[in-house]
Amino acid sequence: MRDKNRPIGVFDSGIGGLTVTAELFHQLPEEKIIYFGDTGRYPYGVRSQPVIQRFSRQAVRFLLEKEAKLIVVACNTATAMALEILQSEFSVPIIGVVEPGSRAAAAASKNRKVGVIGTLGTIRSGSYERTIKRVAPDIHTFSLPCPLFVPLAEEGFADHKATLLIAEDYLAPFRKEGVDALVLGCTHYPLLKKAIGQIMGPSVRLVDSAEETAREVKAELTRLNLLRLDGHPQPEYYVSDTPDKFVEVSQRFLGDKINRAELIEIEKYSGQPKTPVVV
């Protein structure tokens, strides 16, 4: 099955992965996107690794049912805790958000000091530290969780004074350390770029994993000769709970409000771990 017109599958623990989807729309406008947000089991950051791996397998199986030619794990926590096992169990190309962001941060840093902000689960996993160290062993990495950034992004508080106060408190250690690149290690955080940039200052490069991941997807599809070359197909959105809420909040992430999201029973995709797919 080398049909270039097959869709790109994207999944996230909820709605944050729409920042990745927005970048895919921007960089790959001819591609069809199928998005699954696991809104019924959000957030993943408080879950154990075995549970996150089970949830991620189910999401991949659902997207394979939709004939995805490539799958993006648009969730930092799922990437950190499940990407390797997904890549070993499924033959479809699967790309996460940690590797692209890590490479971009390493390339951007001049003084070799990189900061990483993310959910508690992502920071505890150490995934960015390990990946950055592998890419550039000379870089010193400083990581801190910023859990309040997620609700602030979802509630549309990007320009609220409370966001600036919280950002100032969270980001003070990075300013003290003198980092010159800061990885936005959660797909919600790009919505708060303005506030984060205001606190960190113009000399600090903010690395948006969504942008870097979309570039990685384009490169991989080009390598596999699977780029769709024409058309503007309509995306499809699926969730495991509260489709109305998903539609309501989507505009903050995509810029345009989506028309509908379809509710699915994700637990029915619990089958066998290995699902061979010919790409």
C-alpha atoms as a PDB file:
ATOM      1  CA  MET A   1       0.000   0.000   0.000  1.00  0.00           C
ATOM      2  CA  ARG A   2       2.057   2.917  -1.294  1.00  0.00           C
ATOM      3  CA  ASP A   3      -0.911   5.177  -2.066  1.00  0.00           C
ATOM      4  CA  LYS A   4       0.275   8.755  -1.650  1.00  0.00           C
ATOM      5  CA  ASN A   5      -3.293   9.884  -1.068  1.00  0.00           C
ATOM      6  CA  ARG A   6      -3.590   7.986   2.201  1.00  0.00           C
ATOM      7  CA  PRO A   7      -3.798  10.297   5.231  1.00  0.00           C
ATOM      8  CA  ILE A   8      -1.330  11.322   7.890  1.00  0.00           C
ATOM      9  CA  GLY A   9      -2.546  10.176  11.296  1.00  0.00           C
ATOM     10  CA  VAL A  10      -2.009  12.376  14.345  1.00  0.00           C
ATOM     11  CA  PHE A  11      -2.845  11.570  17.945  1.00  0.00           C
ATOM     12  CA  ASP A  12      -2.565  13.355  21.257  1.00  0.00           C
ATOM     13  CA  SER A  13      -3.795  12.896  24.805  1.00  0.00           C
ATOM     14  CA  GLY A  14      -6.301  15.655  24.139  1.00  0.00           C
ATOM     15  CA  ILE A  15      -6.323  18.880  22.183  1.00  0.00           C
ATOM     16  CA  GLY A  16      -2.720  20.162  22.394  1.00  0.00           C
ATOM     17  CA  GLY A  17      -1.662  18.158  19.349  1.00  0.00           C
ATOM     18  CA  LEU A  18      -3.678  20.569  17.226  1.00  0.00           C
ATOM     19  CA  THR A  19      -0.629  22.857  17.298  1.00  0.00           C
ATOM     20  CA  VAL A  20       1.219  20.110  15.420  1.00  0.00           C
ATOM     21  CA  THR A  21      -1.771  19.698  13.107  1.00  0.00           C
ATOM     22  CA  ALA A  22      -1.766  23.429  12.368  1.00  0.00           C
ATOM     23  CA  GLU A  23       1.895  23.199  11.341  1.00  0.00           C
ATOM     24  CA  LEU A  24       1.158  20.194   9.137  1.00  0.00           C
ATOM     25  CA  PHE A  25      -1.573  22.222   7.421  1.00  0.00           C
ATOM     26  CA  HIS A  26       0.942  25.021   6.889  1.00  0.00           C
ATOM     27  CA  GLN A  27       3.853  22.934   5.638  1.00  0.00           C
ATOM     28  CA  LEU A  28       1.926  20.145   3.887  1.00  0.00           C
ATOM     29  CA  PRO A  29      -1.322  21.722   2.626  1.00  0.00           C
ATOM     30  CA  GLU A  30      -1.998  18.938   0.107  1.00  0.00           C
ATOM     31  CA  GLU A  31      -2.043  16.209   2.768  1.00  0.00           C
ATOM     32  CA  LYS A  32      -5.149  14.801   4.415  1.00  0.00           C
ATOM     33  CA  ILE A  33      -4.938  14.776   8.227  1.00  0.00           C
ATOM     34  CA  ILE A  34      -6.848  12.462  10.552  1.00  0.00           C
ATOM     35  CA  TYR A  35      -6.610  13.561  14.172  1.00  0.00           C
ATOM     36  CA  PHE A  36      -7.482  11.596  17.294  1.00  0.00           C
ATOM     37  CA  GLY A  37      -7.631  13.338  20.661  1.00  0.00           C
ATOM     38  CA  ASP A  38      -7.975  11.041  23.667  1.00  0.00           C
ATOM     39  CA  THR A  39     -10.089  13.576  25.538  1.00  0.00           C
ATOM     40  CA  GLY A  40     -11.776  10.917  27.651  1.00  0.00           C
ATOM     41  CA  ARG A  41      -8.491   9.887  29.300  1.00  0.00           C
ATOM     42  CA  TYR A  42      -6.660  13.217  29.343  1.00  0.00           C
ATOM     43  CA  PRO A  43      -4.139  14.087  30.754  1.00  0.00           C
ATOM     44  CA  TYR A  44      -1.507  11.438  30.097  1.00  0.00           C
ATOM     45  CA  GLY A  45       1.091  13.195  32.238  1.00  0.00           C
ATOM     46  CA  VAL A  46      -0.286  11.704  35.470  1.00  0.00           C
ATOM     47  CA  ARG A  47      -0.447   8.133  34.098  1.00  0.00           C
ATOM     48  CA  SER A  48       2.053   5.301  34.434  1.00  0.00           C
ATOM     49  CA  GLN A  49       4.192   4.228  31.489  1.00  0.00           C
ATOM     50  CA  PRO A  50       2.362   0.901  30.900  1.00  0.00           C
ATOM     51  CA  VAL A  51      -0.981   2.722  30.773  1.00  0.00           C
ATOM     52  CA  ILE A  52       0.334   5.365  28.361  1.00  0.00           C
ATOM     53  CA  GLN A  53       1.740   2.618  26.154  1.00  0.00           C
ATOM     54  CA  ARG A  54      -1.640   0.851  26.106  1.00  0.00           C
ATOM     55  CA  PHE A  55      -3.464   4.059  25.231  1.00  0.00           C
ATOM     56  CA  SER A  56      -0.925   4.833  22.501  1.00  0.00           C
ATOM     57  CA  ARG A  57      -1.238   1.390  20.929  1.00  0.00           C
ATOM     58  CA  GLN A  58      -5.004   1.857  20.760  1.00  0.00           C
ATOM     59  CA  ALA A  59      -4.591   5.234  19.066  1.00  0.00           C
ATOM     60  CA  VAL A  60      -2.197   3.768  16.488  1.00  0.00           C
ATOM     61  CA  ARG A  61      -4.587   0.893  15.720  1.00  0.00           C
ATOM     62  CA  PHE A  62      -7.438   3.339  15.202  1.00  0.00           C
ATOM     63  CA  LEU A  63      -5.363   5.448  12.803  1.00  0.00           C
ATOM     64  CA  LEU A  64      -4.231   2.350  10.922  1.00  0.00           C
ATOM     65  CA  GLU A  65      -7.886   1.432  10.471  1.00  0.00           C
ATOM     66  CA  LYS A  66      -8.129   4.822   8.756  1.00  0.00           C
ATOM     67  CA  GLU A  67      -5.215   3.730   6.495  1.00  0.00           C
ATOM     68  CA  ALA A  68      -2.670   6.231   7.806  1.00  0.00           C
ATOM     69  CA  LYS A  69       0.568   6.179   5.794  1.00  0.00           C
ATOM     70  CA  LEU A  70       2.501   7.825   8.640  1.00  0.00           C
ATOM     71  CA  ILE A  71       1.583   8.520  12.271  1.00  0.00           C
ATOM     72  CA  VAL A  72       2.620  11.474  14.413  1.00  0.00           C
ATOM     73  CA  VAL A  73       2.638  11.085  18.191  1.00  0.00           C
ATOM     74  CA  ALA A  74       1.746  14.728  18.857  1.00  0.00           C
ATOM     75  CA  CYS A  75       2.062  14.377  22.613  1.00  0.00           C
ATOM     76  CA  ASN A  76       5.326  14.848  24.465  1.00  0.00           C
ATOM     77  CA  THR A  77       4.389  12.440  27.258  1.00  0.00           C
ATOM     78  CA  ALA A  78       3.343   9.678  24.858  1.00  0.00           C
ATOM     79  CA  THR A  79       6.463  10.277  22.779  1.00  0.00           C
ATOM     80  CA  ALA A  80       8.659  10.019  25.853  1.00  0.00           C
ATOM     81  CA  MET A  81       7.010   6.899  27.248  1.00  0.00           C
ATOM     82  CA  ALA A  82       5.686   4.988  24.239  1.00  0.00           C
ATOM     83  CA  LEU A  83       7.378   5.994  20.961  1.00  0.00           C
ATOM     84  CA  GLU A  84      10.102   3.329  20.989  1.00  0.00           C
ATOM     85  CA  ILE A  85       7.700   0.487  21.683  1.00  0.00           C
ATOM     86  CA  LEU A  86       5.272   1.734  19.027  1.00  0.00           C
ATOM     87  CA  GLN A  87       8.059   1.880  16.457  1.00  0.00           C
ATOM     88  CA  SER A  88       9.093  -1.667  17.348  1.00  0.00           C
ATOM     89  CA  GLU A  89       5.555  -3.107  17.171  1.00  0.00           C
ATOM     90  CA  PHE A  90       4.132  -1.352  14.103  1.00  0.00           C
ATOM     91  CA  SER A  91       5.733  -1.142  10.669  1.00  0.00           C
ATOM     92  CA  VAL A  92       4.104   2.141   9.672  1.00  0.00           C
ATOM     93  CA  PRO A  93       6.478   5.134  10.078  1.00  0.00           C
ATOM     94  CA  ILE A  94       5.840   6.763  13.483  1.00  0.00           C
ATOM     95  CA  ILE A  95       7.327  10.144  14.409  1.00  0.00           C
ATOM     96  CA  GLY A  96       7.321  11.765  17.833  1.00  0.00           C
ATOM     97  CA  VAL A  97       7.840  15.354  18.932  1.00  0.00           C
ATOM     98  CA  VAL A  98      10.939  14.980  21.143  1.00  0.00           C
ATOM     99  CA  GLU A  99      13.633  14.216  18.572  1.00  0.00           C
ATOM    100  CA  PRO A 100      12.855  17.101  16.178  1.00  0.00           C
ATOM    101  CA  GLY A 101      12.694  19.635  19.005  1.00  0.00           C
ATOM    102  CA  SER A 102      15.896  18.332  20.571  1.00  0.00           C
ATOM    103  CA  ARG A 103      17.851  18.615  17.331  1.00  0.00           C
ATOM    104  CA  ALA A 104      16.584  22.136  16.714  1.00  0.00           C
ATOM    105  CA  ALA A 105      17.510  23.237  20.241  1.00  0.00           C
ATOM    106  CA  ALA A 106      20.999  21.784  19.928  1.00  0.00           C
ATOM    107  CA  ALA A 107      21.514  23.601  16.629  1.00  0.00           C
ATOM    108  CA  ALA A 108      20.168  26.891  18.007  1.00  0.00           C
ATOM    109  CA  SER A 109      22.217  27.074  21.211  1.00  0.00           C
ATOM    110  CA  LYS A 110      25.431  29.079  20.985  1.00  0.00           C
ATOM    111  CA  ASN A 111      26.467  28.939  24.659  1.00  0.00           C
ATOM    112  CA  ARG A 112      25.499  25.226  24.900  1.00  0.00           C
ATOM    113  CA  LYS A 113      22.865  25.783  27.594  1.00  0.00           C
ATOM    114  CA  VAL A 114      19.368  24.582  26.708  1.00  0.00           C
ATOM    115  CA  GLY A 115      16.210  24.801  28.805  1.00  0.00           C
ATOM    116  CA  VAL A 116      13.265  22.422  28.532  1.00  0.00           C
ATOM    117  CA  ILE A 117       9.756  23.067  29.860  1.00  0.00           C
ATOM    118  CA  GLY A 118       6.981  20.488  29.772  1.00  0.00           C
ATOM    119  CA  THR A 119       4.427  18.545  31.757  1.00  0.00           C
ATOM    120  CA  LEU A 120       5.482  16.713  34.890  1.00  0.00           C
ATOM    121  CA  GLY A 121       5.385  13.383  33.043  1.00  0.00           C
ATOM    122  CA  THR A 122       7.583  14.610  30.192  1.00  0.00           C
ATOM    123  CA  ILE A 123      10.143  16.214  32.499  1.00  0.00           C
ATOM    124  CA  ARG A 124      10.262  13.163  34.790  1.00  0.00           C
ATOM    125  CA  SER A 125      10.904  10.910  31.809  1.00  0.00           C
ATOM    126  CA  GLY A 126      14.154  12.721  31.001  1.00  0.00           C
ATOM    127  CA  SER A 127      13.467  12.188  27.301  1.00  0.00           C
ATOM    128  CA  TYR A 128      14.657  15.604  26.144  1.00  0.00           C
ATOM    129  CA  GLU A 129      17.804  15.459  28.251  1.00  0.00           C
ATOM    130  CA  ARG A 130      18.746  12.052  26.843  1.00  0.00           C
ATOM    131  CA  THR A 131      17.989  13.019  23.265  1.00  0.00           C
ATOM    132  CA  ILE A 132      19.801  16.353  23.426  1.00  0.00           C
ATOM    133  CA  LYS A 133      22.809  14.654  25.056  1.00  0.00           C
ATOM    134  CA  ARG A 134      22.876  12.086  22.262  1.00  0.00           C
ATOM    135  CA  VAL A 135      22.631  14.767  19.573  1.00  0.00           C
ATOM    136  CA  ALA A 136      25.096  17.181  21.209  1.00  0.00           C
ATOM    137  CA  PRO A 137      27.045  15.755  24.184  1.00  0.00           C
ATOM    138  CA  ASP A 138      28.539  19.157  25.059  1.00  0.00           C
ATOM    139  CA  ILE A 139      25.181  20.793  25.846  1.00  0.00           C
ATOM    140  CA  HIS A 140      24.035  21.362  29.421  1.00  0.00           C
ATOM    141  CA  THR A 141      20.272  20.845  29.772  1.00  0.00           C
ATOM    142  CA  PHE A 142      18.021  22.368  32.439  1.00  0.00           C
ATOM    143  CA  SER A 143      14.454  21.075  32.737  1.00  0.00           C
ATOM    144  CA  LEU A 144      11.433  22.133  34.773  1.00  0.00           C
ATOM    145  CA  PRO A 145       7.718  21.276  34.641  1.00  0.00           C
ATOM    146  CA  CYS A 146       5.223  24.094  34.025  1.00  0.00           C
ATOM    147  CA  PRO A 147       1.856  22.408  34.709  1.00  0.00           C
ATOM    148  CA  LEU A 148      -0.242  25.589  34.854  1.00  0.00           C
ATOM    149  CA  PHE A 149       0.621  26.498  31.268  1.00  0.00           C
ATOM    150  CA  VAL A 150      -1.772  23.841  29.921  1.00  0.00           C
ATOM    151  CA  PRO A 151      -5.002  25.174  31.488  1.00  0.00           C
ATOM    152  CA  LEU A 152      -3.932  28.747  30.703  1.00  0.00           C
ATOM    153  CA  ALA A 153      -3.567  27.812  27.025  1.00  0.00           C
ATOM    154  CA  GLU A 154      -6.874  25.945  26.889  1.00  0.00           C
ATOM    155  CA  GLU A 155      -8.767  28.783  28.589  1.00  0.00           C
ATOM    156  CA  GLY A 156      -7.441  31.333  26.131  1.00  0.00           C
ATOM    157  CA  PHE A 157      -5.341  33.208  28.700  1.00  0.00           C
ATOM    158  CA  ALA A 158      -2.365  33.774  26.367  1.00  0.00           C
ATOM    159  CA  ASP A 159      -2.419  37.550  26.901  1.00  0.00           C
ATOM    160  CA  HIS A 160      -3.678  37.564  30.491  1.00  0.00           C
ATOM    161  CA  LYS A 161      -1.578  39.242  33.163  1.00  0.00           C
ATOM    162  CA  ALA A 162      -1.831  36.066  35.272  1.00  0.00           C
ATOM    163  CA  THR A 163       0.001  34.186  32.533  1.00  0.00           C
ATOM    164  CA  LEU A 164       2.890  36.647  32.632  1.00  0.00           C
ATOM    165  CA  LEU A 165       3.149  36.359  36.416  1.00  0.00           C
ATOM    166  CA  ILE A 166       3.152  32.563  36.317  1.00  0.00           C
ATOM    167  CA  ALA A 167       5.606  32.514  33.413  1.00  0.00           C
ATOM    168  CA  GLU A 168       7.949  34.844  35.283  1.00  0.00           C
ATOM    169  CA  ASP A 169       7.954  32.493  38.260  1.00  0.00           C
ATOM    170  CA  TYR A 170       8.395  29.321  36.205  1.00  0.00           C
ATOM    171  CA  LEU A 171      11.086  30.714  33.925  1.00  0.00           C
ATOM    172  CA  ALA A 172      13.254  32.532  36.480  1.00  0.00           C
ATOM    173  CA  PRO A 173      15.630  29.531  36.924  1.00  0.00           C
ATOM    174  CA  PHE A 174      16.315  29.423  33.170  1.00  0.00           C
ATOM    175  CA  ARG A 175      17.190  33.098  33.099  1.00  0.00           C
ATOM    176  CA  LYS A 176      19.511  32.557  36.048  1.00  0.00           C
ATOM    177  CA  GLU A 177      21.246  29.682  34.247  1.00  0.00           C
ATOM    178  CA  GLY A 178      21.632  31.775  31.105  1.00  0.00           C
ATOM    179  CA  VAL A 179      20.069  29.365  28.618  1.00  0.00           C
ATOM    180  CA  ASP A 180      19.940  30.686  25.061  1.00  0.00           C
ATOM    181  CA  ALA A 181      17.456  28.110  23.708  1.00  0.00           C
ATOM    182  CA  LEU A 182      14.236  26.977  25.381  1.00  0.00           C
ATOM    183  CA  VAL A 183      12.305  23.935  24.185  1.00  0.00           C
ATOM    184  CA  LEU A 184       8.528  24.264  24.454  1.00  0.00           C
ATOM    185  CA  GLY A 185       8.180  20.621  25.427  1.00  0.00           C
ATOM    186  CA  CYS A 186       4.392  20.473  25.449  1.00  0.00           C
ATOM    187  CA  THR A 187       2.134  20.968  22.442  1.00  0.00           C
ATOM    188  CA  HIS A 188       0.031  23.491  24.390  1.00  0.00           C
ATOM    189  CA  TYR A 189       2.939  25.819  25.041  1.00  0.00           C
ATOM    190  CA  PRO A 190       3.228  27.420  21.575  1.00  0.00           C
ATOM    191  CA  LEU A 191      -0.025  29.225  22.374  1.00  0.00           C
ATOM    192  CA  LEU A 192       1.869  31.022  25.145  1.00  0.00           C
ATOM    193  CA  LYS A 193       4.893  31.934  23.020  1.00  0.00           C
ATOM    194  CA  LYS A 194       4.315  35.662  23.385  1.00  0.00           C
ATOM    195  CA  ALA A 195       4.349  35.564  27.208  1.00  0.00           C
ATOM    196  CA  ILE A 196       7.248  33.116  27.368  1.00  0.00           C
ATOM    197  CA  GLY A 197       9.249  35.171  24.892  1.00  0.00           C
ATOM    198  CA  GLN A 198       8.546  38.354  26.800  1.00  0.00           C
ATOM    199  CA  ILE A 199       9.955  36.835  30.000  1.00  0.00           C
ATOM    200  CA  MET A 200      12.954  35.120  28.391  1.00  0.00           C
ATOM    201  CA  GLY A 201      13.924  38.037  26.150  1.00  0.00           C
ATOM    202  CA  PRO A 202      14.868  38.294  22.471  1.00  0.00           C
ATOM    203  CA  SER A 203      18.247  36.607  22.871  1.00  0.00           C
ATOM    204  CA  VAL A 204      16.645  33.246  23.739  1.00  0.00           C
ATOM    205  CA  ARG A 205      15.432  31.066  20.870  1.00  0.00           C
ATOM    206  CA  LEU A 206      12.072  29.426  21.615  1.00  0.00           C
ATOM    207  CA  VAL A 207      12.032  25.997  20.001  1.00  0.00           C
ATOM    208  CA  ASP A 208       8.536  24.983  18.929  1.00  0.00           C
ATOM    209  CA  SER A 209       8.405  21.196  18.624  1.00  0.00           C
ATOM    210  CA  ALA A 210       5.290  21.476  16.463  1.00  0.00           C
ATOM    211  CA  GLU A 211       7.158  23.335  13.721  1.00  0.00           C
ATOM    212  CA  GLU A 212      10.126  20.987  13.877  1.00  0.00           C
ATOM    213  CA  THR A 213       7.928  17.873  13.854  1.00  0.00           C
ATOM    214  CA  ALA A 214       6.081  19.026  10.729  1.00  0.00           C
ATOM    215  CA  ARG A 215       9.446  19.487   9.002  1.00  0.00           C
ATOM    216  CA  GLU A 216      10.407  15.961  10.041  1.00  0.00           C
ATOM    217  CA  VAL A 217       7.145  14.568   8.653  1.00  0.00           C
ATOM    218  CA  LYS A 218       7.714  16.307   5.328  1.00  0.00           C
ATOM    219  CA  ALA A 219      11.264  14.988   5.124  1.00  0.00           C
ATOM    220  CA  GLU A 220      10.186  11.429   5.922  1.00  0.00           C
ATOM    221  CA  LEU A 221       7.338  11.423   3.393  1.00  0.00           C
ATOM    222  CA  THR A 222       9.747  12.801   0.784  1.00  0.00           C
ATOM    223  CA  ARG A 223      12.252  10.061   1.596  1.00  0.00           C
ATOM    224  CA  LEU A 224       9.558   7.390   1.267  1.00  0.00           C
ATOM    225  CA  ASN A 225       8.126   8.949  -1.918  1.00  0.00           C
ATOM    226  CA  LEU A 226       4.754   9.284  -0.171  1.00  0.00           C
ATOM    227  CA  LEU A 227       4.144  13.034  -0.480  1.00  0.00           C
ATOM    228  CA  ARG A 228       0.698  13.866  -1.773  1.00  0.00           C
ATOM    229  CA  LEU A 229       1.197  16.317  -4.615  1.00  0.00           C
ATOM    230  CA  ASP A 230      -2.209  17.923  -5.119  1.00  0.00           C
ATOM    231  CA  GLY A 231      -5.613  18.554  -3.616  1.00  0.00           C
ATOM    232  CA  HIS A 232      -6.827  20.143  -0.383  1.00  0.00           C
ATOM    233  CA  PRO A 233      -8.674  17.317   1.383  1.00  0.00           C
ATOM    234  CA  GLN A 234     -10.785  18.015   4.441  1.00  0.00           C
ATOM    235  CA  PRO A 235      -9.278  16.877   7.754  1.00  0.00           C
ATOM    236  CA  GLU A 236     -11.161  14.556  10.074  1.00  0.00           C
ATOM    237  CA  TYR A 237     -11.262  14.831  13.871  1.00  0.00           C
ATOM    238  CA  TYR A 238     -12.082  12.072  16.352  1.00  0.00           C
ATOM    239  CA  VAL A 239     -12.203  12.119  20.144  1.00  0.00           C
ATOM    240  CA  SER A 240     -12.892   9.669  22.966  1.00  0.00           C
ATOM    241  CA  ASP A 241     -15.123  12.109  24.891  1.00  0.00           C
ATOM    242  CA  THR A 242     -16.696  15.612  24.854  1.00  0.00           C
ATOM    243  CA  PRO A 243     -16.634  16.366  21.104  1.00  0.00           C
ATOM    244  CA  ASP A 244     -18.503  19.651  21.685  1.00  0.00           C
ATOM    245  CA  LYS A 245     -15.793  20.907  24.044  1.00  0.00           C
ATOM    246  CA  PHE A 246     -13.111  19.843  21.567  1.00  0.00           C
ATOM    247  CA  VAL A 247     -14.791  21.815  18.788  1.00  0.00           C
ATOM    248  CA  GLU A 248     -15.226  24.823  21.069  1.00  0.00           C
ATOM    249  CA  VAL A 249     -11.567  25.018  22.091  1.00  0.00           C
ATOM    250  CA  SER A 250     -10.128  24.085  18.683  1.00  0.00           C
ATOM    251  CA  GLN A 251     -10.073  27.654  17.381  1.00  0.00           C
ATOM    252  CA  ARG A 252      -7.406  28.641  19.909  1.00  0.00           C
ATOM    253  CA  PHE A 253      -5.108  25.977  18.468  1.00  0.00           C
ATOM    254  CA  LEU A 254      -5.957  26.013  14.768  1.00  0.00           C
ATOM    255  CA  GLY A 255      -6.989  29.617  14.218  1.00  0.00           C
ATOM    256  CA  ASP A 256     -10.211  28.349  12.625  1.00  0.00           C
ATOM    257  CA  LYS A 257     -12.984  26.546  14.403  1.00  0.00           C
ATOM    258  CA  ILE A 258     -13.540  23.031  13.138  1.00  0.00           C
ATOM    259  CA  ASN A 259     -17.048  21.980  12.133  1.00  0.00           C
ATOM    260  CA  ARG A 260     -17.328  18.724  14.015  1.00  0.00           C
ATOM    261  CA  ALA A 261     -15.491  15.998  15.884  1.00  0.00           C
ATOM    262  CA  GLU A 262     -16.718  12.419  15.901  1.00  0.00           C
ATOM    263  CA  LEU A 263     -16.923  10.426  19.124  1.00  0.00           C
ATOM    264  CA  ILE A 264     -15.344   6.950  18.970  1.00  0.00           C
ATOM    265  CA  GLU A 265     -15.013   4.024  21.389  1.00  0.00           C
ATOM    266  CA  ILE A 266     -11.235   3.843  21.627  1.00  0.00           C
ATOM    267  CA  GLU A 267     -11.200   0.835  23.966  1.00  0.00           C
ATOM    268  CA  LYS A 268     -12.307  -1.430  21.130  1.00  0.00           C
ATOM    269  CA  TYR A 269      -8.827  -0.988  19.610  1.00  0.00           C
ATOM    270  CA  SER A 270      -7.185  -3.085  22.313  1.00  0.00           C
ATOM    271  CA  GLY A 271      -6.265  -6.056  20.054  1.00  0.00           C
ATOM    272  CA  GLN A 272      -2.911  -7.702  19.669  1.00  0.00           C
ATOM    273  CA  PRO A 273       0.224  -5.563  20.026  1.00  0.00           C
ATOM    274  CA  LYS A 274       1.700  -6.346  16.621  1.00  0.00           C
ATOM    275  CA  THR A 275      -0.181  -4.913  13.649  1.00  0.00           C
ATOM    276  CA  PRO A 276       1.859  -5.318  10.474  1.00  0.00           C
ATOM    277  CA  VAL A 277       1.325  -2.658   7.821  1.00  0.00           C
ATOM    278  CA  VAL A 278       3.031  -2.519   4.444  1.00  0.00           C
ATOM    279  CA  VAL A 279       4.067   1.056   3.693  1.00  0.00           C
END
